[in-house]
Amino acid sequence: MPTQRTLSIIKPDAMEKSSGGAILARFQEEGFLVRGLKHIHLTRAQAEGFYAEHRGRGFFDELVTFMSRGPVIVLCLEREDAIAKYREVIGATDPAKAAPGTIRKLYGNNVGENAVHGSDSEKSAAREIAYFFAGYEAAPTAE
């Protein structure tokens, strides 16, 4: 399995519940290396830019309003098969349908406020990491 990077965002709902540290610790326990980390408060324009592919969908306005309502932690995570492993650790988008012990089951409220965002493919990961981290801001790989 190849070493990969993925983007993670610990969303405002999890931050409001002071769950950011526990979620970050879980990622590290699962073998993810933190290659970049930012604690930021997205502006509406930044959230719109990040989620531009969803513009025109019914949930877009609600999504960008939510993502810009409070601070988030943005992470560039790395490990073997990072994208698939991350998706396994966070669980289904709907916390009610997520497997026991997953991040979304433990910390999510509902489909809209589900504690974390994660890249769903290598292409998305590359675009999403570049959106938040300039090349020099994410540590080089260990390889």
C-alpha atoms as a PDB file:
ATOM      1  CA  MET A   1       0.000   0.000   0.000  1.00  0.00           C
ATOM      2  CA  PRO A   2       1.338   3.445  -0.897  1.00  0.00           C
ATOM      3  CA  THR A   3       1.908   6.296   1.536  1.00  0.00           C
ATOM      4  CA  GLN A   4      -0.741   8.934   0.912  1.00  0.00           C
ATOM      5  CA  ARG A   5      -1.863  12.263   2.255  1.00  0.00           C
ATOM      6  CA  THR A   6      -5.396  13.329   3.020  1.00  0.00           C
ATOM      7  CA  LEU A   7      -7.000  16.513   4.236  1.00  0.00           C
ATOM      8  CA  SER A   8      -8.947  16.539   7.475  1.00  0.00           C
ATOM      9  CA  ILE A   9     -11.023  19.353   8.894  1.00  0.00           C
ATOM     10  CA  ILE A  10     -12.266  19.187  12.453  1.00  0.00           C
ATOM     11  CA  LYS A  11     -15.469  21.149  11.975  1.00  0.00           C
ATOM     12  CA  PRO A  12     -17.033  23.935  14.070  1.00  0.00           C
ATOM     13  CA  ASP A  13     -19.513  21.619  15.825  1.00  0.00           C
ATOM     14  CA  ALA A  14     -16.721  19.431  17.198  1.00  0.00           C
ATOM     15  CA  MET A  15     -14.652  22.480  18.147  1.00  0.00           C
ATOM     16  CA  GLU A  16     -17.612  24.001  20.001  1.00  0.00           C
ATOM     17  CA  LYS A  17     -17.789  20.823  22.097  1.00  0.00           C
ATOM     18  CA  SER A  18     -14.027  20.979  22.790  1.00  0.00           C
ATOM     19  CA  SER A  19     -13.543  17.662  20.978  1.00  0.00           C
ATOM     20  CA  GLY A  20     -10.721  18.798  18.683  1.00  0.00           C
ATOM     21  CA  GLY A  21      -7.933  17.423  20.866  1.00  0.00           C
ATOM     22  CA  ALA A  22      -9.596  14.040  21.311  1.00  0.00           C
ATOM     23  CA  ILE A  23     -10.206  13.742  17.567  1.00  0.00           C
ATOM     24  CA  LEU A  24      -6.621  14.699  16.747  1.00  0.00           C
ATOM     25  CA  ALA A  25      -5.335  12.176  19.309  1.00  0.00           C
ATOM     26  CA  ARG A  26      -7.476   9.477  17.691  1.00  0.00           C
ATOM     27  CA  PHE A  27      -5.957  10.193  14.273  1.00  0.00           C
ATOM     28  CA  GLN A  28      -2.487   9.849  15.743  1.00  0.00           C
ATOM     29  CA  GLU A  29      -3.467   6.615  17.520  1.00  0.00           C
ATOM     30  CA  GLU A  30      -4.586   5.300  14.131  1.00  0.00           C
ATOM     31  CA  GLY A  31      -1.100   5.869  12.736  1.00  0.00           C
ATOM     32  CA  PHE A  32      -1.594   9.166  10.927  1.00  0.00           C
ATOM     33  CA  LEU A  33       1.345  11.560  10.901  1.00  0.00           C
ATOM     34  CA  VAL A  34       0.450  15.241  11.117  1.00  0.00           C
ATOM     35  CA  ARG A  35       2.279  16.909   8.222  1.00  0.00           C
ATOM     36  CA  GLY A  36       0.436  20.225   8.519  1.00  0.00           C
ATOM     37  CA  LEU A  37      -1.926  21.783  11.058  1.00  0.00           C
ATOM     38  CA  LYS A  38      -3.760  25.103  11.158  1.00  0.00           C
ATOM     39  CA  HIS A  39      -6.280  26.424  13.645  1.00  0.00           C
ATOM     40  CA  ILE A  40      -8.323  28.917  11.624  1.00  0.00           C
ATOM     41  CA  HIS A  41     -11.717  30.576  11.369  1.00  0.00           C
ATOM     42  CA  LEU A  42     -12.846  30.338   7.760  1.00  0.00           C
ATOM     43  CA  THR A  43     -14.441  33.389   6.212  1.00  0.00           C
ATOM     44  CA  ARG A  44     -17.576  32.805   4.196  1.00  0.00           C
ATOM     45  CA  ALA A  45     -15.567  33.430   1.012  1.00  0.00           C
ATOM     46  CA  GLN A  46     -12.974  30.817   2.021  1.00  0.00           C
ATOM     47  CA  ALA A  47     -15.695  28.258   2.778  1.00  0.00           C
ATOM     48  CA  GLU A  48     -17.404  29.024  -0.549  1.00  0.00           C
ATOM     49  CA  GLY A  49     -14.106  28.550  -2.369  1.00  0.00           C
ATOM     50  CA  PHE A  50     -13.343  25.269  -0.656  1.00  0.00           C
ATOM     51  CA  TYR A  51     -16.822  23.852  -1.326  1.00  0.00           C
ATOM     52  CA  ALA A  52     -17.178  25.432  -4.814  1.00  0.00           C
ATOM     53  CA  GLU A  53     -17.957  22.050  -6.390  1.00  0.00           C
ATOM     54  CA  HIS A  54     -21.222  22.043  -4.412  1.00  0.00           C
ATOM     55  CA  ARG A  55     -22.340  25.526  -5.514  1.00  0.00           C
ATOM     56  CA  GLY A  56     -25.879  25.383  -6.833  1.00  0.00           C
ATOM     57  CA  ARG A  57     -26.874  22.434  -4.653  1.00  0.00           C
ATOM     58  CA  GLY A  58     -29.611  22.940  -2.083  1.00  0.00           C
ATOM     59  CA  PHE A  59     -27.311  22.488   0.901  1.00  0.00           C
ATOM     60  CA  PHE A  60     -24.523  24.848  -0.262  1.00  0.00           C
ATOM     61  CA  ASP A  61     -25.593  27.961   1.673  1.00  0.00           C
ATOM     62  CA  GLU A  62     -26.196  26.010   4.875  1.00  0.00           C
ATOM     63  CA  LEU A  63     -22.817  24.276   4.491  1.00  0.00           C
ATOM     64  CA  VAL A  64     -20.761  27.442   4.033  1.00  0.00           C
ATOM     65  CA  THR A  65     -22.653  29.203   6.835  1.00  0.00           C
ATOM     66  CA  PHE A  66     -21.876  26.288   9.155  1.00  0.00           C
ATOM     67  CA  MET A  67     -18.228  25.994   8.139  1.00  0.00           C
ATOM     68  CA  SER A  68     -17.648  29.720   8.710  1.00  0.00           C
ATOM     69  CA  ARG A  69     -19.470  29.992  12.040  1.00  0.00           C
ATOM     70  CA  GLY A  70     -16.492  29.134  14.221  1.00  0.00           C
ATOM     71  CA  PRO A  71     -12.896  27.925  14.334  1.00  0.00           C
ATOM     72  CA  VAL A  72     -11.767  24.696  12.691  1.00  0.00           C
ATOM     73  CA  ILE A  73      -8.589  22.634  12.706  1.00  0.00           C
ATOM     74  CA  VAL A  74      -7.277  21.859   9.232  1.00  0.00           C
ATOM     75  CA  LEU A  75      -4.846  18.940   8.985  1.00  0.00           C
ATOM     76  CA  CYS A  76      -2.657  17.390   6.334  1.00  0.00           C
ATOM     77  CA  LEU A  77      -2.423  13.761   7.465  1.00  0.00           C
ATOM     78  CA  GLU A  78      -0.166  11.051   6.089  1.00  0.00           C
ATOM     79  CA  ARG A  79       0.076   7.283   6.384  1.00  0.00           C
ATOM     80  CA  GLU A  80      -0.098   4.153   4.292  1.00  0.00           C
ATOM     81  CA  ASP A  81      -3.444   4.049   2.437  1.00  0.00           C
ATOM     82  CA  ALA A  82      -4.428   7.277   4.203  1.00  0.00           C
ATOM     83  CA  ILE A  83      -7.620   8.071   2.322  1.00  0.00           C
ATOM     84  CA  ALA A  84      -9.323   4.710   2.810  1.00  0.00           C
ATOM     85  CA  LYS A  85      -8.123   4.414   6.410  1.00  0.00           C
ATOM     86  CA  TYR A  86      -9.311   7.936   7.228  1.00  0.00           C
ATOM     87  CA  ARG A  87     -12.757   7.207   5.778  1.00  0.00           C
ATOM     88  CA  GLU A  88     -12.903   4.040   7.901  1.00  0.00           C
ATOM     89  CA  VAL A  89     -11.919   5.913  11.088  1.00  0.00           C
ATOM     90  CA  ILE A  90     -14.413   8.758  10.604  1.00  0.00           C
ATOM     91  CA  GLY A  91     -17.399   6.598   9.610  1.00  0.00           C
ATOM     92  CA  ALA A  92     -20.485   7.292   7.543  1.00  0.00           C
ATOM     93  CA  THR A  93     -21.524  10.885   6.765  1.00  0.00           C
ATOM     94  CA  ASP A  94     -24.683  10.402   8.841  1.00  0.00           C
ATOM     95  CA  PRO A  95     -23.590   9.837  12.453  1.00  0.00           C
ATOM     96  CA  ALA A  96     -26.764   7.810  13.058  1.00  0.00           C
ATOM     97  CA  LYS A  97     -25.562   5.314  10.436  1.00  0.00           C
ATOM     98  CA  ALA A  98     -21.852   5.410  11.382  1.00  0.00           C
ATOM     99  CA  ALA A  99     -20.239   2.350  12.916  1.00  0.00           C
ATOM    100  CA  PRO A 100     -19.699   2.321  16.691  1.00  0.00           C
ATOM    101  CA  GLY A 101     -16.429   3.927  17.759  1.00  0.00           C
ATOM    102  CA  THR A 102     -16.000   6.029  14.624  1.00  0.00           C
ATOM    103  CA  ILE A 103     -15.358   9.763  14.913  1.00  0.00           C
ATOM    104  CA  ARG A 104     -18.722  10.737  13.492  1.00  0.00           C
ATOM    105  CA  LYS A 105     -20.596   8.289  15.735  1.00  0.00           C
ATOM    106  CA  LEU A 106     -18.783   9.640  18.793  1.00  0.00           C
ATOM    107  CA  TYR A 107     -18.752  13.360  17.987  1.00  0.00           C
ATOM    108  CA  GLY A 108     -21.219  14.109  15.171  1.00  0.00           C
ATOM    109  CA  ASN A 109     -24.686  15.578  15.614  1.00  0.00           C
ATOM    110  CA  ASN A 110     -26.332  14.917  12.247  1.00  0.00           C
ATOM    111  CA  VAL A 111     -25.577  14.766   8.505  1.00  0.00           C
ATOM    112  CA  GLY A 112     -24.843  18.502   8.363  1.00  0.00           C
ATOM    113  CA  GLU A 113     -22.875  18.720  11.603  1.00  0.00           C
ATOM    114  CA  ASN A 114     -20.829  15.544  11.522  1.00  0.00           C
ATOM    115  CA  ALA A 115     -17.620  16.652  13.279  1.00  0.00           C
ATOM    116  CA  VAL A 116     -15.085  16.139  10.456  1.00  0.00           C
ATOM    117  CA  HIS A 117     -14.422  16.514   6.755  1.00  0.00           C
ATOM    118  CA  GLY A 118     -12.128  14.206   4.847  1.00  0.00           C
ATOM    119  CA  SER A 119     -10.902  13.864   1.287  1.00  0.00           C
ATOM    120  CA  ASP A 120     -12.673  11.151  -0.687  1.00  0.00           C
ATOM    121  CA  SER A 121     -10.025  10.475  -3.346  1.00  0.00           C
ATOM    122  CA  GLU A 122      -6.379  11.172  -4.183  1.00  0.00           C
ATOM    123  CA  LYS A 123      -7.469  13.886  -6.618  1.00  0.00           C
ATOM    124  CA  SER A 124      -9.629  15.576  -3.977  1.00  0.00           C
ATOM    125  CA  ALA A 125      -6.878  15.229  -1.372  1.00  0.00           C
ATOM    126  CA  ALA A 126      -4.341  16.973  -3.620  1.00  0.00           C
ATOM    127  CA  ARG A 127      -6.747  19.848  -4.371  1.00  0.00           C
ATOM    128  CA  GLU A 128      -7.918  20.198  -0.773  1.00  0.00           C
ATOM    129  CA  ILE A 129      -4.437  20.107   0.772  1.00  0.00           C
ATOM    130  CA  ALA A 130      -3.244  22.720  -1.725  1.00  0.00           C
ATOM    131  CA  TYR A 131      -6.233  24.928  -0.830  1.00  0.00           C
ATOM    132  CA  PHE A 132      -5.066  25.231   2.779  1.00  0.00           C
ATOM    133  CA  PHE A 133      -1.318  24.518   2.703  1.00  0.00           C
ATOM    134  CA  ALA A 134       1.273  26.124   0.468  1.00  0.00           C
ATOM    135  CA  GLY A 135       3.930  23.621  -0.575  1.00  0.00           C
ATOM    136  CA  TYR A 136       6.341  24.687   2.164  1.00  0.00           C
ATOM    137  CA  GLU A 137       3.687  24.526   4.906  1.00  0.00           C
ATOM    138  CA  ALA A 138       3.147  20.765   4.855  1.00  0.00           C
ATOM    139  CA  ALA A 139       6.218  18.838   5.972  1.00  0.00           C
ATOM    140  CA  PRO A 140       7.948  16.703   3.355  1.00  0.00           C
ATOM    141  CA  THR A 141       7.228  13.003   3.402  1.00  0.00           C
ATOM    142  CA  ALA A 142       9.470  10.701   5.398  1.00  0.00           C
ATOM    143  CA  GLU A 143      10.310   8.685   2.275  1.00  0.00           C
END
